[in-house]
Amino acid sequence: MNSNQIDISVKNFRAINKAHIALNGITVVAGANGSGKSTLSKLTYLLFKTSINFEKIVEKKTKQNLQKVIRALDIISRDLSYFTNKKNYAASRSRFRKFTVNDFSKDLFGENQISLFIDSLIEEYNNLDNKIKKRKFADIRLERSGKILLDIIPAISINDEIGITELLIELKKFVNGKIEETFELKEQRPIQVLYDELYKTFYNKQLRKNVEFKEFDVSIIDRKENTLIPIHTIQNVIYVDTPMMIGIDTYGDIEHWDDLNELLEKKESYGKEHLQSNIQISDIIKGNIIDNDDEFSDMQFIYKREDGSKFDLMECATGLKSFAILQLLYKKGFLNDKSLLIIDEPEAHLHPQWVVEYARIIILLHKTIGVKFLIASHHPDMISAIKYIAEKEEVIQNVQYYLSKQIDEKKFQFDFKYLGSNIEEIFSSFNIAFERIDLYGKTD
């Protein structure tokens, strides 16, 4: 049996010619800019995220597909004000807002609040007496509602003269069908959901053929059964490609930014029993990052310095934000032995001393609570600090390095070579920088 917990293989995609990466503890990928490290990081994040959050992804898609139904029901329920009294109209609008103000998916996939609301509309239309229906312009309003319903119900054999009640019944069947389809997708976990997520990010349909994802040598992407198998060893994945992402809402444009901030915004306390005495990020940054409880303030997080001064984290140095992300994730209990933290160039924005401190936190988080890491780096201090601190902490057996090497000077593609814990070849590649200095500068 393969001893690796997780294996990810990629071939012929962007700058990656061939990569086979194992994620057992702390995996460090080194290489030049443009050699595929960030592509590998983002791809790994999407693979884990889709497997872990499969049900949420399917529900979100259903919710998006039903938005046209929600808009139509909004218009139709408002038109009822012409036919009903103020009390009944207010009650109808209150029922509508019940599943639209916040995240209606919580009710949608429980009691199916859309279907229940359609039932209430059917009852209201059935209770309209003939006198009301004969009001001036009533026929025009009813005809408008009918046309709106006909526009959103899929093409079926419906007579244009069919009444509002019958159309609402057909709409309810459509909604219930979508909900039932969602439950089936959540149970069957079709592989197409993963392909859609990958295409949404990379716009490349060939990628579906060029990636393999295994846990204990079993394919998570099961093409034979057309299924994305649930994963066990990782149940929480976080991707940090820049510390600037903290506190920024991209409104869905950069999903991993929004994913991280949604996690950090959670207020629930997990207690302090998970905190380890040797992981003291506050000693490094000389303070703590705390939630801002002032609901009238625009600040989300506050940097409380050890001298008592307080600052909006958004206005603090980028290097401080690098540690702020780790501290918040750790203090709030989001990091454990089932977590994978993917960090792209963690050394960016850090002073050389803080590069070493950051590497030490990585080692300690893995050693004490089992967090797994995928680190993409081309900084000699980060590369060496991880190795030597891991040796001192006696976890070097869990650290493995890969180096992206160009396969041909004329081709912009790279193979990822496994190095184990030997970093000499990585440092040989760094020597090119000194050659450039000799070439361009005066080095007597």
Protein backbone atom coordinates (compact mmCIF):
# COMPACT_ATOMS: atom_id res chain seq x y z
CA MET A 1 0.00 0.00 0.00
CA ASN A 2 1.15 3.53 -0.78
CA SER A 3 2.33 5.20 2.46
CA ASN A 4 1.37 8.66 1.19
CA GLN A 5 -1.86 10.04 2.58
CA ILE A 6 -2.52 12.31 -0.40
CA ASP A 7 -1.07 12.23 -3.92
CA ILE A 8 -1.77 14.84 -6.58
CA SER A 9 -0.54 14.40 -10.15
CA VAL A 10 -0.74 16.98 -12.93
CA LYS A 11 0.59 16.82 -16.47
CA ASN A 12 0.63 19.11 -19.51
CA PHE A 13 -1.16 22.02 -17.87
CA ARG A 14 0.08 25.59 -18.20
CA ALA A 15 3.73 25.67 -17.03
CA ILE A 16 3.49 22.20 -15.51
CA ASN A 17 4.80 19.42 -17.73
CA LYS A 18 4.72 16.80 -15.01
CA ALA A 19 4.17 17.00 -11.26
CA HIS A 20 3.54 14.29 -8.71
CA ILE A 21 3.20 15.77 -5.23
CA ALA A 22 2.65 13.94 -1.93
CA LEU A 23 0.99 15.72 1.00
CA ASN A 24 1.97 13.91 4.18
CA GLY A 25 3.08 16.72 6.46
CA ILE A 26 4.92 19.81 5.24
CA THR A 27 5.41 19.87 1.48
CA VAL A 28 7.57 22.67 0.08
CA VAL A 29 7.63 23.42 -3.64
CA ALA A 30 10.50 25.61 -4.83
CA GLY A 31 11.29 27.03 -8.24
CA ALA A 32 11.53 30.06 -10.45
CA ASN A 33 8.70 32.50 -11.09
CA GLY A 34 6.33 31.21 -13.74
CA SER A 35 7.22 27.55 -13.17
CA GLY A 36 3.75 26.42 -12.11
CA LYS A 37 3.94 26.69 -8.30
CA SER A 38 0.89 28.97 -7.99
CA THR A 39 -1.05 26.89 -10.51
CA LEU A 40 -0.34 23.78 -8.45
CA SER A 41 -1.38 25.56 -5.24
CA LYS A 42 -4.67 26.83 -6.62
CA LEU A 43 -5.47 23.50 -8.28
CA THR A 44 -4.80 21.63 -5.03
CA TYR A 45 -7.11 24.01 -3.19
CA LEU A 46 -9.94 23.45 -5.67
CA LEU A 47 -9.59 19.67 -5.55
CA PHE A 48 -9.88 19.59 -1.77
CA LYS A 49 -12.50 22.30 -1.54
CA THR A 50 -14.82 20.61 -4.03
CA SER A 51 -14.54 17.24 -2.35
CA ILE A 52 -14.98 18.68 1.16
CA ASN A 53 -17.74 21.20 0.34
CA PHE A 54 -19.50 19.18 -2.36
CA GLU A 55 -22.97 19.50 -0.82
CA LYS A 56 -22.64 23.26 -0.27
CA ILE A 57 -21.46 23.75 -3.87
CA VAL A 58 -24.45 21.82 -5.25
CA GLU A 59 -26.89 23.69 -3.02
CA LYS A 60 -25.39 27.04 -4.02
CA LYS A 61 -25.83 26.20 -7.69
CA THR A 62 -29.47 25.22 -7.14
CA LYS A 63 -30.05 28.44 -5.24
CA GLN A 64 -28.61 30.41 -8.16
CA ASN A 65 -30.80 28.51 -10.64
CA LEU A 66 -33.90 29.31 -8.61
CA GLN A 67 -33.26 33.05 -8.46
CA LYS A 68 -35.53 33.62 -11.47
CA VAL A 69 -38.30 31.84 -9.57
CA ILE A 70 -37.71 34.06 -6.53
CA ARG A 71 -37.90 37.21 -8.67
CA ALA A 72 -41.13 36.05 -10.27
CA LEU A 73 -42.72 35.22 -6.92
CA ASP A 74 -41.68 38.66 -5.65
CA ILE A 75 -43.52 40.38 -8.50
CA ILE A 76 -46.59 38.15 -8.30
CA SER A 77 -46.94 38.47 -4.52
CA ARG A 78 -46.68 42.27 -4.83
CA ASP A 79 -49.44 42.27 -7.45
CA LEU A 80 -51.71 40.60 -4.89
CA SER A 81 -51.93 43.98 -3.14
CA TYR A 82 -54.42 44.94 -5.83
CA PHE A 83 -56.73 42.07 -4.91
CA THR A 84 -56.36 41.57 -1.14
CA ASN A 85 -56.58 43.65 2.03
CA LYS A 86 -53.56 45.18 3.74
CA LYS A 87 -53.44 42.58 6.53
CA ASN A 88 -53.35 39.60 4.17
CA TYR A 89 -50.85 41.34 1.88
CA ALA A 90 -48.50 42.09 4.81
CA ALA A 91 -48.68 38.45 5.88
CA SER A 92 -47.84 37.33 2.34
CA ARG A 93 -44.82 39.62 2.11
CA SER A 94 -43.63 38.44 5.52
CA ARG A 95 -43.71 34.82 4.31
CA PHE A 96 -41.76 35.85 1.21
CA ARG A 97 -39.05 37.59 3.20
CA LYS A 98 -38.68 34.55 5.44
CA PHE A 99 -36.60 32.71 2.86
CA THR A 100 -35.02 35.64 1.02
CA VAL A 101 -33.62 38.03 3.64
CA ASN A 102 -30.75 35.76 4.65
CA ASP A 103 -29.52 32.41 3.35
CA PHE A 104 -32.77 30.80 2.25
CA SER A 105 -30.98 27.54 1.39
CA LYS A 106 -31.20 26.59 5.09
CA ASP A 107 -34.98 26.48 4.73
CA LEU A 108 -35.01 25.55 1.07
CA PHE A 109 -33.45 22.15 1.68
CA GLY A 110 -35.32 21.58 4.92
CA GLU A 111 -39.01 22.45 4.67
CA ASN A 112 -38.65 23.83 1.13
CA GLN A 113 -39.95 27.29 1.92
CA ILE A 114 -40.38 28.22 -1.76
CA SER A 115 -42.85 25.39 -2.22
CA LEU A 116 -44.69 26.37 0.97
CA PHE A 117 -44.90 29.98 -0.22
CA ILE A 118 -46.31 28.88 -3.59
CA ASP A 119 -48.97 26.91 -1.66
CA SER A 120 -49.94 30.10 0.17
CA LEU A 121 -50.21 31.98 -3.14
CA ILE A 122 -52.40 29.24 -4.57
CA GLU A 123 -54.67 29.50 -1.56
CA GLU A 124 -54.87 33.28 -1.89
CA TYR A 125 -55.71 33.15 -5.59
CA ASN A 126 -58.33 30.46 -4.98
CA ASN A 127 -59.95 32.65 -2.35
CA LEU A 128 -60.34 35.67 -4.66
CA ASP A 129 -64.07 36.18 -5.23
CA ASN A 130 -65.49 37.00 -8.61
CA LYS A 131 -66.27 40.60 -7.63
CA ILE A 132 -62.60 41.32 -7.05
CA LYS A 133 -61.64 39.64 -10.30
CA LYS A 134 -64.06 41.94 -12.13
CA ARG A 135 -62.39 45.10 -10.86
CA LYS A 136 -61.09 47.55 -13.41
CA PHE A 137 -57.73 46.40 -14.81
CA ALA A 138 -57.90 43.16 -12.74
CA ASP A 139 -57.86 41.03 -15.88
CA ILE A 140 -54.74 42.84 -17.12
CA ARG A 141 -52.92 42.24 -13.81
CA LEU A 142 -53.90 38.56 -13.76
CA GLU A 143 -52.81 38.19 -17.37
CA ARG A 144 -49.44 39.76 -16.51
CA SER A 145 -48.93 37.32 -13.63
CA GLY A 146 -49.79 34.44 -15.95
CA LYS A 147 -47.28 35.55 -18.57
CA ILE A 148 -44.56 35.90 -15.93
CA LEU A 149 -45.19 32.35 -14.75
CA LEU A 150 -45.24 31.00 -18.30
CA ASP A 151 -41.88 32.68 -18.91
CA ILE A 152 -40.06 30.88 -16.08
CA ILE A 153 -41.71 27.45 -16.23
CA PRO A 154 -39.78 25.14 -18.60
CA ALA A 155 -41.45 24.33 -21.91
CA ILE A 156 -44.27 21.90 -21.19
CA SER A 157 -47.67 21.26 -22.69
CA ILE A 158 -49.56 24.15 -21.14
CA ASN A 159 -52.45 25.95 -22.73
CA ASP A 160 -51.94 29.72 -22.86
CA GLU A 161 -55.41 30.10 -21.39
CA ILE A 162 -54.55 28.16 -18.24
CA GLY A 163 -55.32 29.94 -14.96
CA ILE A 164 -52.97 31.37 -12.34
CA THR A 165 -53.66 28.55 -9.90
CA GLU A 166 -52.75 25.87 -12.43
CA LEU A 167 -49.58 27.76 -13.40
CA LEU A 168 -48.54 28.02 -9.76
CA ILE A 169 -49.06 24.27 -9.37
CA GLU A 170 -46.76 23.70 -12.36
CA LEU A 171 -44.21 26.09 -10.86
CA LYS A 172 -44.30 24.14 -7.61
CA LYS A 173 -43.62 20.91 -9.52
CA PHE A 174 -40.64 22.60 -11.19
CA VAL A 175 -39.21 23.81 -7.86
CA ASN A 176 -39.73 20.45 -6.17
CA GLY A 177 -38.01 18.76 -9.10
CA LYS A 178 -34.98 21.00 -8.69
CA ILE A 179 -34.83 20.26 -4.96
CA GLU A 180 -35.12 16.52 -5.56
CA GLU A 181 -32.42 16.75 -8.21
CA THR A 182 -30.16 18.49 -5.67
CA PHE A 183 -30.60 15.70 -3.13
CA GLU A 184 -29.75 13.15 -5.82
CA LEU A 185 -26.59 15.07 -6.79
CA LYS A 186 -25.49 15.25 -3.16
CA GLU A 187 -25.90 11.50 -2.85
CA GLN A 188 -24.35 10.54 -6.21
CA ARG A 189 -21.52 13.17 -6.15
CA PRO A 190 -21.06 13.24 -9.96
CA ILE A 191 -17.58 14.13 -11.14
CA GLN A 192 -18.97 16.83 -13.42
CA VAL A 193 -19.35 19.14 -10.41
CA LEU A 194 -15.56 19.10 -9.98
CA TYR A 195 -15.01 19.66 -13.69
CA ASP A 196 -17.32 22.69 -13.57
CA GLU A 197 -15.40 24.15 -10.61
CA LEU A 198 -12.05 23.63 -12.36
CA TYR A 199 -13.31 25.19 -15.59
CA LYS A 200 -14.75 28.18 -13.71
CA THR A 201 -11.23 28.97 -12.46
CA PHE A 202 -8.90 27.76 -15.22
CA TYR A 203 -11.12 27.86 -18.36
CA ASN A 204 -9.50 24.65 -19.61
CA LYS A 205 -11.54 21.52 -20.33
CA GLN A 206 -8.41 19.43 -20.91
CA LEU A 207 -7.53 19.71 -17.23
CA ARG A 208 -10.15 17.12 -16.36
CA LYS A 209 -7.99 14.51 -18.12
CA ASN A 210 -4.66 15.74 -16.81
CA VAL A 211 -5.11 15.62 -13.05
CA GLU A 212 -5.16 12.72 -10.58
CA PHE A 213 -6.13 12.99 -6.92
CA LYS A 214 -5.62 10.03 -4.57
CA GLU A 215 -5.98 9.24 -0.88
CA PHE A 216 -4.09 6.16 0.32
CA ASP A 217 -3.70 5.19 -3.34
CA VAL A 218 -7.47 5.28 -3.98
CA SER A 219 -8.63 7.71 -6.69
CA ILE A 220 -10.77 10.49 -5.25
CA ILE A 221 -11.59 11.37 -8.86
CA ASP A 222 -13.22 8.03 -9.70
CA ARG A 223 -13.69 8.24 -13.46
CA LYS A 224 -14.90 4.65 -13.72
CA GLU A 225 -17.85 5.30 -11.41
CA ASN A 226 -18.14 8.96 -12.48
CA THR A 227 -17.91 9.99 -8.83
CA LEU A 228 -15.94 12.42 -6.66
CA ILE A 229 -15.26 10.38 -3.54
CA PRO A 230 -15.38 12.13 -0.13
CA ILE A 231 -11.95 12.66 1.40
CA HIS A 232 -11.08 11.74 4.99
CA THR A 233 -7.60 12.96 5.93
CA ILE A 234 -8.32 16.61 5.08
CA GLN A 235 -11.61 18.17 6.14
CA ASN A 236 -10.66 21.84 6.09
CA VAL A 237 -8.56 23.54 3.39
CA ILE A 238 -7.36 27.16 3.37
CA TYR A 239 -5.47 28.91 0.57
CA VAL A 240 -3.48 32.08 1.23
CA ASP A 241 -1.84 33.65 -1.82
CA THR A 242 -1.35 37.10 -0.29
CA PRO A 243 -1.82 38.53 3.22
CA MET A 244 -3.64 41.44 1.58
CA MET A 245 -6.71 39.19 1.30
CA ILE A 246 -7.67 39.52 4.97
CA GLY A 247 -10.74 41.71 5.47
CA ILE A 248 -11.35 42.16 1.72
CA ASP A 249 -14.74 41.24 0.25
CA THR A 250 -14.45 40.39 -3.45
CA TYR A 251 -18.17 39.58 -3.82
CA GLY A 252 -17.36 36.22 -5.39
CA ASP A 253 -14.69 37.40 -7.82
CA ILE A 254 -11.87 35.70 -5.87
CA GLU A 255 -13.52 32.81 -4.08
CA HIS A 256 -10.60 31.68 -1.91
CA TRP A 257 -10.33 35.23 -0.51
CA ASP A 258 -14.02 35.19 0.36
CA ASP A 259 -13.71 31.66 1.77
CA LEU A 260 -10.95 32.72 4.17
CA ASN A 261 -12.73 35.86 5.34
CA GLU A 262 -15.99 33.99 5.85
CA LEU A 263 -14.07 31.62 8.10
CA LEU A 264 -12.33 34.40 10.03
CA GLU A 265 -15.59 36.31 10.53
CA LYS A 266 -17.08 33.49 12.59
CA LYS A 267 -17.48 34.55 16.18
CA GLU A 268 -18.12 31.21 17.91
CA SER A 269 -15.60 30.27 20.55
CA TYR A 270 -13.87 26.91 20.53
CA GLY A 271 -12.41 27.38 23.99
CA LYS A 272 -8.71 27.60 24.79
CA GLU A 273 -7.95 23.92 25.30
CA HIS A 274 -6.45 23.64 21.79
CA LEU A 275 -3.87 26.39 22.39
CA GLN A 276 -0.29 25.22 22.91
CA SER A 277 2.16 27.06 25.16
CA ASN A 278 4.98 26.93 22.59
CA ILE A 279 2.95 28.58 19.81
CA GLN A 280 3.08 32.25 20.75
CA ILE A 281 2.45 34.36 17.65
CA SER A 282 1.70 37.30 19.93
CA ASP A 283 5.37 37.31 21.03
CA ILE A 284 6.44 37.79 17.40
CA ILE A 285 4.04 40.59 16.47
CA LYS A 286 4.09 42.16 19.96
CA GLY A 287 0.34 42.02 20.31
CA ASN A 288 -2.86 40.24 19.32
CA ILE A 289 -5.40 40.37 16.52
CA ILE A 290 -8.95 40.60 17.89
CA ASP A 291 -12.44 40.87 16.44
CA ASN A 292 -13.99 44.32 16.46
CA ASP A 293 -17.25 44.04 18.42
CA ASP A 294 -18.34 47.61 17.66
CA GLU A 295 -21.21 47.14 15.20
CA PHE A 296 -21.09 50.82 14.24
CA SER A 297 -17.44 50.63 13.15
CA ASP A 298 -16.15 49.69 9.71
CA MET A 299 -13.16 47.92 11.26
CA GLN A 300 -13.39 44.12 11.14
CA PHE A 301 -10.18 43.20 12.96
CA ILE A 302 -8.09 45.18 15.43
CA TYR A 303 -4.37 44.88 16.10
CA LYS A 304 -4.02 45.38 19.84
CA ARG A 305 -0.36 46.07 20.53
CA GLU A 306 1.19 44.96 23.82
CA ASP A 307 1.43 48.59 24.98
CA GLY A 308 -2.37 48.86 24.75
CA SER A 309 -2.54 50.80 21.47
CA LYS A 310 -5.17 49.66 18.98
CA PHE A 311 -5.06 49.87 15.17
CA ASP A 312 -7.32 48.90 12.30
CA LEU A 313 -5.66 45.79 10.88
CA MET A 314 -6.47 46.95 7.34
CA GLU A 315 -4.09 49.88 7.87
CA CYS A 316 -1.27 47.79 9.33
CA ALA A 317 1.84 46.51 7.56
CA THR A 318 1.37 43.64 5.14
CA GLY A 319 3.92 41.52 6.99
CA LEU A 320 1.85 41.85 10.17
CA LYS A 321 -1.20 40.62 8.26
CA SER A 322 0.72 37.46 7.34
CA PHE A 323 0.94 36.54 11.01
CA ALA A 324 -2.56 37.91 11.70
CA ILE A 325 -4.09 35.26 9.43
CA LEU A 326 -2.24 32.46 11.22
CA GLN A 327 -3.07 33.83 14.66
CA LEU A 328 -6.79 34.18 13.95
CA LEU A 329 -7.04 30.73 12.39
CA TYR A 330 -5.19 29.21 15.32
CA LYS A 331 -6.93 31.08 18.15
CA LYS A 332 -10.39 30.42 16.72
CA GLY A 333 -9.71 26.70 16.49
CA PHE A 334 -9.86 26.33 12.71
CA LEU A 335 -6.52 24.53 12.51
CA ASN A 336 -6.20 20.87 13.49
CA ASP A 337 -4.86 17.55 12.24
CA LYS A 338 -7.48 17.51 9.46
CA SER A 339 -6.47 20.94 8.11
CA LEU A 340 -4.43 21.69 5.00
CA LEU A 341 -2.99 25.21 4.82
CA ILE A 342 -1.74 26.17 1.34
CA ILE A 343 0.48 29.25 1.38
CA ASP A 344 1.91 30.81 -1.76
CA GLU A 345 5.20 32.63 -1.10
CA PRO A 346 4.72 33.17 2.65
CA GLU A 347 8.01 35.08 2.77
CA ALA A 348 6.60 37.93 0.71
CA HIS A 349 6.50 41.20 2.71
CA LEU A 350 8.44 39.68 5.64
CA HIS A 351 11.67 40.94 7.16
CA PRO A 352 14.39 38.21 7.10
CA GLN A 353 13.96 37.72 10.86
CA TRP A 354 10.22 37.26 10.47
CA VAL A 355 10.78 34.79 7.61
CA VAL A 356 12.50 32.53 10.12
CA GLU A 357 9.80 33.13 12.75
CA TYR A 358 7.11 32.28 10.20
CA ALA A 359 8.92 29.05 9.29
CA ARG A 360 9.07 28.14 12.99
CA ILE A 361 5.31 28.66 13.38
CA ILE A 362 4.73 26.35 10.40
CA ILE A 363 6.82 23.65 12.05
CA LEU A 364 5.17 24.05 15.45
CA LEU A 365 1.62 24.01 14.04
CA HIS A 366 2.45 20.75 12.31
CA LYS A 367 4.27 19.20 15.26
CA THR A 368 1.82 20.12 18.02
CA ILE A 369 -1.60 19.89 16.34
CA GLY A 370 -0.90 18.09 13.06
CA VAL A 371 -1.68 20.83 10.53
CA LYS A 372 -0.53 19.88 7.02
CA PHE A 373 1.06 22.45 4.73
CA LEU A 374 1.72 22.99 1.05
CA ILE A 375 4.22 25.84 0.77
CA ALA A 376 5.30 27.42 -2.53
CA SER A 377 8.52 29.39 -2.03
CA HIS A 378 11.66 30.64 -3.74
CA HIS A 379 13.26 32.30 -0.73
CA PRO A 380 16.50 30.75 0.58
CA ASP A 381 15.78 31.72 4.19
CA MET A 382 12.31 30.13 4.15
CA ILE A 383 13.61 26.99 2.41
CA SER A 384 16.45 26.47 4.87
CA ALA A 385 14.60 27.59 8.01
CA ILE A 386 11.87 24.99 7.49
CA LYS A 387 14.48 22.26 7.11
CA TYR A 388 16.70 23.12 10.05
CA ILE A 389 13.92 23.98 12.48
CA ALA A 390 12.18 20.73 11.51
CA GLU A 391 15.38 18.85 12.30
CA LYS A 392 15.61 20.46 15.73
CA GLU A 393 11.93 19.76 16.45
CA GLU A 394 12.43 16.17 15.22
CA VAL A 395 9.79 16.29 12.47
CA ILE A 396 12.14 16.40 9.48
CA GLN A 397 10.77 13.01 8.38
CA ASN A 398 7.48 14.82 7.65
CA VAL A 399 9.09 17.52 5.48
CA GLN A 400 9.61 17.01 1.76
CA TYR A 401 10.85 19.34 -0.95
CA TYR A 402 10.16 19.54 -4.67
CA LEU A 403 11.98 21.61 -7.26
CA SER A 404 10.39 22.74 -10.52
CA LYS A 405 12.97 22.29 -13.29
CA GLN A 406 12.63 23.52 -16.85
CA ILE A 407 12.55 20.53 -19.21
CA ASP A 408 14.00 22.44 -22.17
CA GLU A 409 15.38 25.95 -22.51
CA LYS A 410 13.11 26.48 -25.51
CA LYS A 411 9.99 25.24 -23.74
CA PHE A 412 8.27 27.06 -20.91
CA GLN A 413 7.33 23.87 -19.10
CA PHE A 414 8.63 22.35 -15.89
CA ASP A 415 8.89 18.99 -14.17
CA PHE A 416 8.58 18.88 -10.39
CA LYS A 417 11.45 16.82 -9.02
CA TYR A 418 11.19 15.10 -5.64
CA LEU A 419 14.13 15.94 -3.35
CA GLY A 420 13.08 14.48 -0.02
CA SER A 421 14.61 16.68 2.69
CA ASN A 422 17.73 17.50 0.66
CA ILE A 423 17.74 21.18 -0.33
CA GLU A 424 21.17 21.37 -1.98
CA GLU A 425 19.74 21.29 -5.50
CA ILE A 426 17.35 24.10 -4.63
CA PHE A 427 20.23 26.27 -3.48
CA SER A 428 22.17 25.40 -6.63
CA SER A 429 19.30 26.94 -8.60
CA PHE A 430 19.54 30.07 -6.43
CA ASN A 431 23.18 30.49 -7.49
CA ILE A 432 21.91 31.77 -10.83
CA ALA A 433 21.08 35.02 -9.02
CA PHE A 434 24.71 35.49 -8.05
CA GLU A 435 25.72 34.85 -11.65
CA ARG A 436 23.38 37.66 -12.69
CA ILE A 437 25.01 39.99 -10.16
CA ASP A 438 28.43 39.14 -11.59
CA LEU A 439 27.10 39.81 -15.07
CA TYR A 440 25.33 43.11 -14.38
CA GLY A 441 27.25 44.52 -11.43
CA LYS A 442 30.75 45.31 -10.20
CA THR A 443 31.92 42.61 -7.79
CA ASP A 444 35.60 43.17 -7.07
